Protein backbone atom coordinates (compact mmCIF):
# COMPACT_ATOMS: atom_id res chain seq x y z
CA MET A 1 28.70 -66.85 -15.22
CA ALA A 2 28.84 -64.07 -17.84
CA VAL A 3 30.63 -60.82 -17.03
CA LEU A 4 29.62 -57.55 -18.66
CA THR A 5 32.60 -55.16 -18.83
CA GLU A 6 32.94 -51.59 -20.02
CA SER A 7 35.10 -52.70 -22.97
CA LEU A 8 32.40 -55.10 -24.18
CA LEU A 9 29.82 -52.32 -24.02
CA ARG A 10 32.11 -49.93 -25.89
CA SER A 11 32.55 -52.48 -28.68
CA LYS A 12 28.79 -52.93 -28.89
CA TRP A 13 28.27 -49.14 -28.82
CA LYS A 14 30.54 -48.66 -31.85
CA ASN A 15 28.26 -50.86 -33.92
CA GLU A 16 24.94 -49.74 -32.50
CA LYS A 17 23.85 -46.74 -30.40
CA PHE A 18 21.42 -48.74 -28.25
CA THR A 19 19.00 -47.14 -25.77
CA GLU A 20 18.61 -50.06 -23.37
CA TYR A 21 20.55 -53.11 -22.26
CA VAL A 22 18.81 -56.22 -20.96
CA ALA A 23 21.04 -58.16 -18.59
CA ARG A 24 20.78 -61.91 -18.62
CA LYS A 25 20.01 -63.85 -15.48
CA ASN A 26 23.10 -64.11 -13.22
CA GLU A 27 25.10 -61.82 -15.51
CA VAL A 28 27.75 -59.95 -13.50
CA ILE A 29 27.78 -56.24 -14.35
CA THR A 30 30.98 -54.45 -13.39
CA PRO A 31 30.72 -50.98 -11.82
CA SER A 32 32.55 -49.41 -14.79
CA ALA A 33 30.06 -51.04 -17.16
CA ARG A 34 27.17 -49.60 -15.18
CA GLU A 35 28.83 -46.19 -15.24
CA PHE A 36 29.24 -46.42 -19.02
CA LEU A 37 25.53 -47.15 -19.42
CA LYS A 38 24.67 -44.18 -17.23
CA GLU A 39 26.96 -41.85 -19.20
CA LYS A 40 25.35 -42.89 -22.48
CA GLY A 41 21.81 -42.66 -21.12
CA VAL A 42 21.22 -46.37 -21.69
CA GLU A 43 18.52 -47.94 -19.53
CA LEU A 44 19.65 -51.07 -17.72
CA LYS A 45 16.98 -53.75 -17.53
CA PHE A 46 17.04 -57.23 -16.09
CA GLY A 47 15.87 -60.35 -17.87
CA GLU A 48 13.83 -63.17 -16.44
CA ALA A 49 14.14 -63.31 -12.65
CA ALA A 50 17.08 -60.92 -12.86
CA SER A 51 15.26 -58.15 -11.06
CA SER A 52 15.10 -60.22 -7.91
CA ASP A 53 17.18 -59.41 -4.85
CA GLU A 54 19.26 -62.51 -5.44
CA ASP A 55 20.37 -61.40 -8.91
CA ARG A 56 20.92 -57.81 -7.88
CA LYS A 57 23.60 -59.08 -5.52
CA HIS A 58 25.73 -59.80 -8.57
CA VAL A 59 25.98 -56.07 -9.18
CA HIS A 60 27.85 -55.63 -5.87
CA ARG A 61 31.60 -55.94 -5.71
CA VAL A 62 31.29 -56.92 -2.10
CA PRO A 63 28.51 -59.09 -0.67
CA HIS A 64 27.12 -56.58 1.85
CA PRO A 65 23.63 -55.33 0.90
CA VAL A 66 22.88 -51.69 1.71
CA ARG A 67 19.42 -50.85 3.00
CA GLU A 68 18.04 -47.41 2.27
CA ARG A 69 16.32 -47.21 5.64
CA GLU A 70 19.71 -47.54 7.34
CA ALA A 71 21.15 -44.72 5.28
CA THR A 72 18.27 -42.31 5.68
CA SER A 73 17.71 -42.44 9.41
CA ASN A 74 18.37 -38.69 9.57
CA VAL A 75 16.51 -37.26 6.62
CA SER A 76 17.91 -33.98 5.25
CA ASP A 77 16.37 -31.48 2.83
CA ASP A 78 17.60 -33.48 -0.15
CA PRO A 79 16.52 -37.15 -0.04
CA LYS A 80 18.56 -37.81 -3.21
CA ARG A 81 21.80 -36.21 -2.12
CA TYR A 82 23.78 -39.45 -2.62
CA LYS A 83 23.37 -42.46 -4.88
CA ASN A 84 24.47 -46.04 -4.36
CA TYR A 85 26.95 -46.89 -7.13
CA TYR A 86 25.93 -50.55 -7.06
CA THR A 87 22.15 -50.45 -6.67
CA ASP A 88 21.02 -46.92 -7.70
CA GLU A 89 19.37 -46.38 -4.31
CA TYR A 90 19.27 -42.76 -3.09
CA TYR A 91 20.38 -41.57 0.34
CA SER A 92 19.97 -38.27 2.14
CA LYS A 93 22.90 -39.07 4.42
CA LYS A 94 26.16 -40.79 3.59
CA PRO A 95 26.54 -44.07 5.52
CA GLU A 96 29.72 -44.27 7.59
CA PHE A 97 30.81 -47.43 5.78
CA MET A 98 30.54 -45.80 2.34
CA THR A 99 32.45 -43.04 0.57
CA GLN A 100 32.27 -41.10 -2.68
CA ILE A 101 33.93 -42.65 -5.69
CA ARG A 102 32.78 -39.86 -7.99
CA ALA A 103 30.55 -36.83 -7.41
CA ASP A 104 27.49 -38.08 -5.48
CA LEU A 105 28.10 -41.81 -6.16
CA LEU A 106 28.78 -43.91 -3.07
CA VAL A 107 30.71 -47.17 -2.79
CA PHE A 108 31.83 -49.29 0.15
CA LYS A 109 35.06 -48.15 1.74
CA ASP A 110 36.64 -51.49 0.89
CA ASP A 111 35.92 -51.08 -2.82
CA PRO A 112 39.15 -51.88 -4.72
CA ARG A 113 39.21 -48.40 -6.28
CA ILE A 114 39.01 -46.75 -2.84
CA ILE A 115 41.74 -49.04 -1.53
CA PHE A 116 43.88 -48.00 -4.49
CA ARG A 117 43.33 -44.31 -3.75
CA GLY A 118 44.28 -44.88 -0.12
CA ARG A 119 47.51 -46.59 -1.15
CA ILE A 120 48.37 -43.73 -3.50
CA ASP A 121 47.76 -41.31 -0.64
CA SER A 122 50.07 -43.33 1.62
CA LEU A 123 52.69 -43.46 -1.12
CA GLU A 124 52.59 -39.69 -1.48
CA ALA A 125 53.23 -39.41 2.27
CA GLU A 126 56.21 -41.75 1.97
CA MET A 127 57.63 -39.65 -0.86
CA LEU A 128 57.36 -36.53 1.29
CA ARG A 129 59.26 -38.31 4.07
CA GLY A 130 61.89 -39.32 1.54
CA MET A 131 62.20 -35.72 0.38
CA LEU A 132 62.75 -34.70 4.01
CA LEU A 133 65.57 -37.23 4.31
CA MET A 134 67.22 -36.04 1.10
CA ARG A 135 66.99 -32.44 2.24
CA HIS A 136 68.60 -33.46 5.53
CA GLU A 137 71.33 -35.24 3.55
CA LYS A 138 71.70 -32.05 1.46
CA ASN A 139 71.31 -34.01 -1.77
CA ALA A 140 69.55 -31.63 -4.14
CA ASP A 141 69.39 -34.10 -7.05
CA LEU A 142 67.67 -36.82 -5.04
CA PHE A 143 65.33 -34.29 -3.44
CA LYS A 144 64.36 -33.02 -6.89
CA GLY A 145 63.95 -36.58 -8.22
CA LEU A 146 61.59 -37.56 -5.40
CA LYS A 147 59.66 -34.34 -5.80
CA ASP A 148 59.15 -35.16 -9.51
CA ILE A 149 57.79 -38.57 -8.50
CA TYR A 150 55.59 -37.09 -5.76
CA LEU A 151 54.02 -34.59 -8.16
CA HIS A 152 53.34 -37.34 -10.68
CA LEU A 153 51.62 -39.46 -8.01
CA ARG A 154 49.28 -36.53 -7.43
CA LYS A 155 48.54 -36.50 -11.16
CA ILE A 156 47.79 -40.23 -11.04
CA MET A 157 45.30 -39.65 -8.23
CA ARG A 158 43.59 -36.86 -10.16
CA ALA A 159 43.48 -38.93 -13.37
CA GLU A 160 41.87 -41.88 -11.57
CA VAL A 161 39.27 -39.80 -9.73
CA LEU A 162 38.26 -37.76 -12.77
CA GLY A 163 38.63 -40.56 -15.32
CA GLU A 164 41.27 -38.62 -17.26
CA PRO A 165 44.19 -40.18 -19.16
CA ILE A 166 47.54 -39.99 -17.41
CA LYS A 167 50.41 -38.43 -19.32
CA SER A 168 54.10 -39.29 -19.27
CA PHE A 169 56.45 -37.79 -16.71
CA SER A 170 60.09 -36.89 -16.35
CA VAL A 171 62.44 -37.39 -13.42
CA LEU A 172 65.52 -35.18 -13.33
CA GLY A 173 64.79 -34.26 -16.93
CA LYS A 174 64.57 -37.86 -18.19
CA ASP A 175 61.35 -39.30 -19.61
CA TYR A 176 59.84 -42.81 -19.50
CA GLU A 177 61.97 -44.33 -22.21
CA GLU A 178 65.26 -42.78 -21.14
CA ILE A 179 64.83 -44.10 -17.59
CA ARG A 180 63.75 -47.50 -18.87
CA LYS A 181 66.88 -47.81 -21.01
CA ILE A 182 69.15 -46.78 -18.15
CA THR A 183 67.61 -49.19 -15.63
CA HIS A 184 67.64 -52.09 -18.08
CA SER A 185 71.31 -51.57 -18.97
CA PRO A 186 72.81 -49.72 -15.99
CA SER A 187 76.37 -50.79 -16.80
CA ASP A 188 76.19 -48.49 -19.84
CA HIS A 189 75.63 -45.53 -17.53
CA PHE A 190 77.11 -46.40 -14.12
CA PRO A 191 80.44 -48.02 -13.24
CA GLY A 192 79.07 -50.95 -11.23
CA GLY A 193 75.93 -51.96 -13.15
CA HIS A 194 72.93 -53.41 -11.33
CA LEU A 195 72.77 -52.95 -7.57
CA VAL A 196 72.94 -55.99 -5.32
CA MET A 197 71.77 -54.84 -1.91
CA THR A 198 73.81 -55.98 1.09
CA GLY A 199 72.57 -53.68 3.86
CA GLU A 200 75.83 -51.75 3.87
CA GLU A 201 74.59 -49.08 1.45
CA LYS A 202 74.13 -45.40 2.29
CA PRO A 203 70.90 -44.50 4.13
CA ALA A 204 69.60 -42.74 1.00
CA VAL A 205 69.98 -45.92 -1.07
CA ILE A 206 68.23 -48.04 1.55
CA HIS A 207 65.32 -45.60 1.85
CA LEU A 208 64.92 -45.27 -1.91
CA ASN A 209 64.76 -49.06 -2.16
CA VAL A 210 61.92 -49.08 0.38
CA LEU A 211 60.06 -46.52 -1.75
CA ARG A 212 60.70 -48.56 -4.90
CA ALA A 213 59.21 -51.68 -3.26
CA ALA A 214 56.21 -49.64 -2.06
CA VAL A 215 55.50 -48.44 -5.60
CA ARG A 216 55.54 -52.02 -6.88
CA GLU A 217 53.04 -53.01 -4.20
CA VAL A 218 50.72 -50.17 -5.19
CA GLU A 219 51.03 -51.29 -8.82
CA ILE A 220 49.64 -54.69 -7.82
CA VAL A 221 46.81 -53.03 -5.88
CA GLY A 222 46.07 -51.03 -9.03
CA VAL A 223 45.80 -54.18 -11.15
CA THR A 224 43.26 -55.55 -8.67
CA ALA A 225 41.29 -52.29 -8.74
CA PHE A 226 41.13 -51.94 -12.53
CA LYS A 227 40.92 -55.58 -13.62
CA ASN A 228 37.70 -56.78 -15.26
CA GLY A 229 38.04 -60.42 -16.16
CA THR A 230 41.17 -60.67 -18.31
CA GLU A 231 41.30 -56.95 -19.08
CA VAL A 232 42.70 -53.95 -17.22
CA GLU A 233 40.78 -50.73 -17.77
CA ARG A 234 43.44 -48.23 -16.64
CA ASN A 235 46.54 -49.72 -18.19
CA ASP A 236 47.96 -46.18 -18.47
CA ILE A 237 48.01 -45.89 -14.67
CA ILE A 238 49.54 -49.34 -14.21
CA GLU A 239 52.24 -48.55 -16.77
CA SER A 240 52.90 -45.22 -15.08
CA LEU A 241 53.43 -46.91 -11.71
CA ASN A 242 55.72 -49.45 -13.31
CA ARG A 243 57.85 -46.65 -14.74
CA LEU A 244 57.91 -44.88 -11.39
CA SER A 245 59.49 -47.94 -9.78
CA SER A 246 62.15 -47.82 -12.51
CA ALA A 247 62.64 -44.12 -11.78
CA LEU A 248 63.28 -44.91 -8.12
CA TYR A 249 65.80 -47.56 -9.11
CA TYR A 250 67.47 -44.89 -11.25
CA LEU A 251 67.64 -42.60 -8.19
CA MET A 252 69.09 -45.48 -6.17
CA MET A 253 71.97 -45.80 -8.62
CA ILE A 254 72.57 -42.07 -8.50
CA ALA A 255 72.65 -42.25 -4.70
CA HIS A 256 75.06 -45.19 -4.81
CA TYR A 257 77.35 -44.33 -7.71
CA GLY A 258 76.95 -40.58 -8.00
CA ASN A 259 75.47 -38.53 -10.80
CA GLY A 260 78.42 -38.57 -13.14
CA GLN A 261 77.02 -40.96 -15.74
């Protein structure tokens, strides 16, 4: 089964500014590819038998068809207030099982991108709880470090929702590469090198390790959300999350060894 991704369309667009795209029968069209076609004003057509209900199911990320009559039971003044991201159907009322992925575009609440946003939201909440702990422990450096991470998570959320590129960040004045070097060779910066957790560490170290593991889990959720075939569309976000887990490991070593490196 062929898969049409945004990257394939972009490559085609560089060579030819086409005005329509005819999908082959059973060709899977990713949501980002459909969005690209919409942005460029390209008409999406279906080839032989591809306009049938059976083939339109391949446009869905999840196999639950949405019926317009179910969504428009209470008709408002604007019958085209919302649009189905998968099928282009219009709704006057947002179904309870759908949510906005962008502007007036609706997706199922279990869409991988929505799941990713929910996990980022949860991660932000965990960072705030961590900041509370560090303030209680009267550790200004760790509080500031977690606040830097929290603010960057908010930037990741904004970048994903608006389709903007995500920029680098700094934690306690150190950028991506500085943190990466420290966490890859900690013995050059801290007296004991890599941490081997035993359960006897300070509460701050234990909690930071929980946050580090949570970031890695969200990174995996992100790969699922942005993966199209063998490609990942938002590699900048995935890389950013990877660096954030390194930043938390850096804070763990500060909590354990002190900030005298």
